[in-house]
N, C-alpha and C. Protein backbone atom coordinates (compact mmCIF):
# COMPACT_ATOMS: atom_id res chain seq x y z
N MET A 1 -34.47 33.30 3.72
CA MET A 1 -33.57 33.23 2.59
C MET A 1 -32.19 32.80 3.04
N SER A 2 -31.46 32.20 2.11
CA SER A 2 -30.11 31.75 2.40
C SER A 2 -29.10 32.74 1.86
N GLY A 3 -27.93 32.74 2.51
CA GLY A 3 -26.84 33.58 2.04
C GLY A 3 -26.15 32.92 0.85
N PRO A 4 -25.07 33.50 0.36
CA PRO A 4 -24.39 32.98 -0.83
C PRO A 4 -23.79 31.58 -0.63
N ASN A 5 -23.47 31.20 0.60
CA ASN A 5 -22.89 29.88 0.87
C ASN A 5 -23.91 28.89 1.42
N GLY A 6 -25.18 29.23 1.37
CA GLY A 6 -26.22 28.34 1.83
C GLY A 6 -26.60 28.53 3.29
N GLU A 7 -25.86 29.38 4.01
CA GLU A 7 -26.21 29.60 5.40
C GLU A 7 -27.35 30.62 5.47
N PRO A 8 -28.14 30.54 6.52
CA PRO A 8 -29.27 31.48 6.60
C PRO A 8 -28.77 32.92 6.70
N SER A 9 -29.50 33.78 6.07
CA SER A 9 -29.17 35.20 6.11
C SER A 9 -29.77 35.79 7.38
N LEU A 10 -28.91 36.32 8.23
CA LEU A 10 -29.37 36.88 9.50
C LEU A 10 -29.04 38.37 9.52
N SER A 11 -29.93 39.10 10.08
CA SER A 11 -29.68 40.53 10.21
C SER A 11 -29.95 40.94 11.65
N VAL A 12 -29.48 42.10 11.99
CA VAL A 12 -29.68 42.63 13.34
C VAL A 12 -31.17 42.84 13.58
N ASP A 13 -31.93 43.14 12.54
CA ASP A 13 -33.35 43.40 12.67
C ASP A 13 -34.14 42.16 13.07
N ASP A 14 -33.60 40.96 12.80
CA ASP A 14 -34.30 39.72 13.15
C ASP A 14 -34.29 39.46 14.64
N GLY A 15 -33.47 40.13 15.36
CA GLY A 15 -33.42 39.98 16.80
C GLY A 15 -32.55 38.81 17.25
N ILE A 16 -31.96 38.07 16.31
CA ILE A 16 -31.13 36.92 16.66
C ILE A 16 -29.73 37.39 17.02
N ILE A 17 -29.21 38.33 16.24
CA ILE A 17 -27.89 38.87 16.50
C ILE A 17 -28.07 40.17 17.25
N GLU A 18 -27.44 40.20 18.41
CA GLU A 18 -27.53 41.42 19.19
C GLU A 18 -26.16 42.02 19.34
N ASP A 19 -26.09 43.29 19.18
CA ASP A 19 -24.81 43.99 19.29
C ASP A 19 -24.27 43.95 20.71
N GLU A 20 -25.12 43.67 21.67
CA GLU A 20 -24.66 43.65 23.05
C GLU A 20 -23.88 42.39 23.39
N ASP A 21 -23.88 41.39 22.48
CA ASP A 21 -23.12 40.15 22.71
C ASP A 21 -21.64 40.45 22.49
N GLU A 22 -20.98 40.76 23.57
CA GLU A 22 -19.56 41.03 23.48
C GLU A 22 -18.82 40.01 24.32
N PHE A 23 -17.65 39.62 23.83
CA PHE A 23 -16.82 38.67 24.56
C PHE A 23 -15.75 39.44 25.30
N SER A 24 -15.39 38.91 26.43
CA SER A 24 -14.35 39.56 27.22
C SER A 24 -12.99 39.23 26.60
N ASP A 25 -12.01 39.98 27.02
CA ASP A 25 -10.65 39.75 26.53
C ASP A 25 -10.18 38.35 26.92
N GLN A 26 -10.60 37.88 28.08
CA GLN A 26 -10.22 36.54 28.52
C GLN A 26 -10.81 35.47 27.59
N GLU A 27 -12.06 35.66 27.17
CA GLU A 27 -12.68 34.70 26.27
C GLU A 27 -11.99 34.70 24.91
N TYR A 28 -11.65 35.86 24.40
CA TYR A 28 -10.91 35.95 23.15
C TYR A 28 -9.53 35.30 23.28
N ALA A 29 -8.89 35.51 24.40
CA ALA A 29 -7.57 34.92 24.63
C ALA A 29 -7.66 33.40 24.71
N ALA A 30 -8.72 32.87 25.34
CA ALA A 30 -8.91 31.43 25.44
C ALA A 30 -9.17 30.83 24.05
N ILE A 31 -10.00 31.49 23.25
CA ILE A 31 -10.28 31.02 21.89
C ILE A 31 -9.01 31.07 21.05
N ASP A 32 -8.26 32.15 21.18
CA ASP A 32 -7.01 32.29 20.44
C ASP A 32 -6.02 31.19 20.84
N SER A 33 -5.94 30.88 22.12
CA SER A 33 -5.05 29.83 22.60
C SER A 33 -5.46 28.46 22.04
N MET A 34 -6.77 28.18 22.03
CA MET A 34 -7.25 26.92 21.48
C MET A 34 -6.95 26.82 19.98
N LEU A 35 -7.14 27.91 19.26
CA LEU A 35 -6.83 27.91 17.83
C LEU A 35 -5.34 27.69 17.59
N ASP A 36 -4.49 28.27 18.45
CA ASP A 36 -3.05 28.05 18.33
C ASP A 36 -2.70 26.58 18.58
N GLN A 37 -3.35 25.96 19.56
CA GLN A 37 -3.10 24.55 19.84
C GLN A 37 -3.54 23.67 18.67
N ILE A 38 -4.70 23.98 18.10
CA ILE A 38 -5.20 23.23 16.94
C ILE A 38 -4.24 23.39 15.78
N SER A 39 -3.78 24.60 15.56
CA SER A 39 -2.84 24.86 14.46
C SER A 39 -1.53 24.09 14.67
N SER A 40 -1.05 24.07 15.91
CA SER A 40 0.18 23.35 16.23
C SER A 40 0.00 21.85 15.99
N CYS A 41 -1.14 21.30 16.40
CA CYS A 41 -1.42 19.87 16.18
C CYS A 41 -1.49 19.56 14.69
N LEU A 42 -2.13 20.42 13.93
CA LEU A 42 -2.22 20.20 12.49
C LEU A 42 -0.84 20.26 11.83
N ASP A 43 0.01 21.18 12.31
CA ASP A 43 1.38 21.25 11.79
C ASP A 43 2.15 19.97 12.07
N ASP A 44 1.99 19.43 13.30
CA ASP A 44 2.65 18.17 13.66
C ASP A 44 2.16 17.03 12.77
N ILE A 45 0.86 16.96 12.55
CA ILE A 45 0.29 15.92 11.69
C ILE A 45 0.83 16.05 10.28
N GLU A 46 0.93 17.28 9.79
CA GLU A 46 1.45 17.50 8.43
C GLU A 46 2.91 17.06 8.33
N GLU A 47 3.72 17.36 9.35
CA GLU A 47 5.12 16.94 9.35
C GLU A 47 5.24 15.42 9.36
N ARG A 48 4.44 14.77 10.19
CA ARG A 48 4.46 13.30 10.24
C ARG A 48 4.03 12.71 8.91
N ASN A 49 3.01 13.29 8.32
CA ASN A 49 2.52 12.82 7.03
C ASN A 49 3.61 12.96 5.97
N ASP A 50 4.30 14.09 5.96
CA ASP A 50 5.39 14.30 5.00
C ASP A 50 6.52 13.28 5.21
N ALA A 51 6.85 13.02 6.48
CA ALA A 51 7.92 12.06 6.79
C ALA A 51 7.51 10.66 6.35
N LEU A 52 6.28 10.27 6.64
CA LEU A 52 5.80 8.95 6.21
C LEU A 52 5.76 8.84 4.69
N ASN A 53 5.35 9.90 4.05
CA ASN A 53 5.29 9.91 2.59
C ASN A 53 6.70 9.74 2.01
N GLY A 54 7.67 10.42 2.59
CA GLY A 54 9.05 10.28 2.14
C GLY A 54 9.57 8.87 2.33
N LYS A 55 9.29 8.27 3.49
CA LYS A 55 9.73 6.90 3.75
C LYS A 55 9.05 5.92 2.80
N LEU A 56 7.79 6.16 2.51
CA LEU A 56 7.06 5.31 1.58
C LEU A 56 7.68 5.36 0.19
N HIS A 57 8.04 6.55 -0.26
CA HIS A 57 8.68 6.69 -1.57
C HIS A 57 10.04 5.99 -1.60
N GLU A 58 10.80 6.10 -0.50
CA GLU A 58 12.09 5.41 -0.42
C GLU A 58 11.90 3.89 -0.49
N LEU A 59 10.92 3.39 0.24
CA LEU A 59 10.64 1.96 0.25
C LEU A 59 10.19 1.49 -1.13
N LEU A 60 9.34 2.27 -1.77
CA LEU A 60 8.87 1.93 -3.11
C LEU A 60 10.02 1.88 -4.10
N GLU A 61 10.90 2.85 -4.06
CA GLU A 61 12.04 2.87 -4.97
C GLU A 61 12.99 1.72 -4.68
N SER A 62 13.20 1.41 -3.42
CA SER A 62 14.05 0.27 -3.05
C SER A 62 13.45 -1.03 -3.57
N ASN A 63 12.14 -1.16 -3.45
CA ASN A 63 11.45 -2.35 -3.94
C ASN A 63 11.59 -2.46 -5.46
N ARG A 64 11.44 -1.35 -6.16
CA ARG A 64 11.60 -1.35 -7.62
C ARG A 64 13.01 -1.77 -8.01
N GLN A 65 14.01 -1.23 -7.31
CA GLN A 65 15.40 -1.55 -7.61
C GLN A 65 15.67 -3.03 -7.37
N THR A 66 15.16 -3.56 -6.27
CA THR A 66 15.34 -4.98 -5.96
C THR A 66 14.70 -5.85 -7.03
N ARG A 67 13.50 -5.48 -7.45
CA ARG A 67 12.83 -6.24 -8.51
C ARG A 67 13.62 -6.18 -9.81
N ARG A 68 14.17 -5.00 -10.17
CA ARG A 68 14.99 -4.86 -11.38
C ARG A 68 16.21 -5.78 -11.30
N GLU A 69 16.90 -5.74 -10.16
CA GLU A 69 18.09 -6.58 -9.99
C GLU A 69 17.73 -8.06 -10.05
N PHE A 70 16.63 -8.44 -9.45
CA PHE A 70 16.19 -9.83 -9.48
C PHE A 70 15.88 -10.27 -10.91
N ARG A 71 15.18 -9.40 -11.66
CA ARG A 71 14.86 -9.70 -13.06
C ARG A 71 16.13 -9.85 -13.90
N GLU A 72 17.08 -8.93 -13.69
CA GLU A 72 18.34 -8.99 -14.43
C GLU A 72 19.11 -10.26 -14.09
N GLN A 73 19.11 -10.62 -12.83
CA GLN A 73 19.81 -11.83 -12.40
C GLN A 73 19.17 -13.06 -13.04
N ARG A 74 17.86 -13.11 -13.10
CA ARG A 74 17.17 -14.25 -13.70
C ARG A 74 17.42 -14.34 -15.20
N THR A 75 17.49 -13.19 -15.89
CA THR A 75 17.70 -13.23 -17.33
C THR A 75 19.16 -13.53 -17.67
N ASN A 76 20.09 -13.14 -16.79
CA ASN A 76 21.51 -13.40 -17.04
C ASN A 76 21.90 -14.84 -16.73
N GLU A 77 21.19 -15.48 -15.83
CA GLU A 77 21.49 -16.86 -15.48
C GLU A 77 20.71 -17.78 -16.41
N GLU A 78 21.45 -18.66 -17.08
CA GLU A 78 20.78 -19.66 -17.89
C GLU A 78 20.82 -20.95 -17.09
N PRO A 79 19.67 -21.50 -16.77
CA PRO A 79 19.67 -22.71 -15.96
C PRO A 79 20.24 -23.89 -16.74
N PRO A 80 21.03 -24.73 -16.09
CA PRO A 80 21.58 -25.90 -16.78
C PRO A 80 20.45 -26.83 -17.18
N PRO A 81 20.63 -27.55 -18.27
CA PRO A 81 19.56 -28.45 -18.68
C PRO A 81 19.32 -29.49 -17.60
N ALA A 82 18.11 -29.59 -17.19
CA ALA A 82 17.76 -30.50 -16.11
C ALA A 82 17.48 -31.88 -16.69
N GLU A 83 18.07 -32.88 -16.08
CA GLU A 83 17.81 -34.25 -16.51
C GLU A 83 16.57 -34.72 -15.79
N ASP A 84 15.63 -35.18 -16.55
CA ASP A 84 14.37 -35.62 -15.97
C ASP A 84 14.53 -37.08 -15.55
N THR A 85 14.85 -37.28 -14.28
CA THR A 85 15.09 -38.64 -13.79
C THR A 85 13.80 -39.44 -13.76
N HIS A 86 12.70 -38.80 -13.57
CA HIS A 86 11.42 -39.51 -13.53
C HIS A 86 11.14 -40.14 -14.89
N THR A 87 11.33 -39.37 -15.97
CA THR A 87 11.09 -39.89 -17.31
C THR A 87 12.05 -41.02 -17.61
N HIS A 88 13.32 -40.86 -17.23
CA HIS A 88 14.32 -41.89 -17.48
C HIS A 88 13.94 -43.18 -16.76
N THR A 89 13.58 -43.07 -15.50
CA THR A 89 13.20 -44.23 -14.71
C THR A 89 11.94 -44.86 -15.29
N HIS A 90 11.00 -44.05 -15.67
CA HIS A 90 9.75 -44.52 -16.21
C HIS A 90 9.98 -45.29 -17.52
N THR A 91 10.80 -44.76 -18.40
CA THR A 91 11.13 -45.42 -19.66
C THR A 91 11.85 -46.73 -19.39
N HIS A 92 12.79 -46.69 -18.46
CA HIS A 92 13.54 -47.89 -18.11
C HIS A 92 12.59 -48.98 -17.59
N THR A 93 11.62 -48.60 -16.79
CA THR A 93 10.66 -49.56 -16.24
C THR A 93 9.85 -50.20 -17.36
N HIS A 94 9.40 -49.38 -18.31
CA HIS A 94 8.64 -49.93 -19.43
C HIS A 94 9.49 -50.89 -20.26
N THR A 95 10.74 -50.53 -20.49
CA THR A 95 11.63 -51.38 -21.28
C THR A 95 11.86 -52.70 -20.56
N HIS A 96 12.11 -52.62 -19.27
CA HIS A 96 12.34 -53.82 -18.47
C HIS A 96 11.10 -54.71 -18.48
N THR A 97 9.93 -54.14 -18.33
CA THR A 97 8.68 -54.89 -18.33
C THR A 97 8.46 -55.57 -19.68
N ALA A 98 8.73 -54.86 -20.77
CA ALA A 98 8.57 -55.44 -22.11
C ALA A 98 9.53 -56.59 -22.32
N GLU A 99 10.78 -56.45 -21.85
CA GLU A 99 11.75 -57.53 -21.98
C GLU A 99 11.32 -58.76 -21.19
N THR A 100 10.77 -58.52 -20.02
CA THR A 100 10.29 -59.62 -19.18
C THR A 100 9.16 -60.37 -19.89
N ARG A 101 8.24 -59.65 -20.50
CA ARG A 101 7.14 -60.29 -21.22
C ARG A 101 7.65 -61.12 -22.39
N VAL A 102 8.62 -60.58 -23.13
CA VAL A 102 9.19 -61.30 -24.27
C VAL A 102 9.86 -62.59 -23.77
N GLN A 103 10.60 -62.48 -22.67
CA GLN A 103 11.29 -63.66 -22.11
C GLN A 103 10.29 -64.71 -21.67
N ARG A 104 9.21 -64.30 -21.01
CA ARG A 104 8.20 -65.25 -20.54
C ARG A 104 7.52 -65.94 -21.75
N ALA A 105 7.26 -65.15 -22.76
CA ALA A 105 6.63 -65.73 -23.94
C ALA A 105 7.53 -66.74 -24.60
N ALA A 106 8.83 -66.46 -24.60
CA ALA A 106 9.79 -67.40 -25.22
C ALA A 106 9.90 -68.68 -24.41
N ASP A 107 9.76 -68.53 -23.07
CA ASP A 107 9.89 -69.69 -22.20
C ASP A 107 8.68 -70.62 -22.34
N GLN A 108 7.58 -70.14 -22.76
CA GLN A 108 6.36 -70.97 -22.81
C GLN A 108 6.28 -71.78 -24.03
């Protein structure tokens, strides 16, 4: 049978757990020291994570502010009307070509 968390239910009567299994004070001290080291490492990781998270939020807010300023700058600036030189040149070429054809026709 399983226990409440899904682990097997063990009893002293099964012969698996023996009361004579005792750890020495040195073994307990070594386990305690390892757990302290693990806890210290986890605390360091948590501090680094918090610092990175804070920097990320600062960067995100800075990016948002820059985008807002850029948008405001674009909406406040009205671009001067651009003269389309290509269209002007193109129209001029067609006019010149038509005049040349009319002149040639008149000459014939």
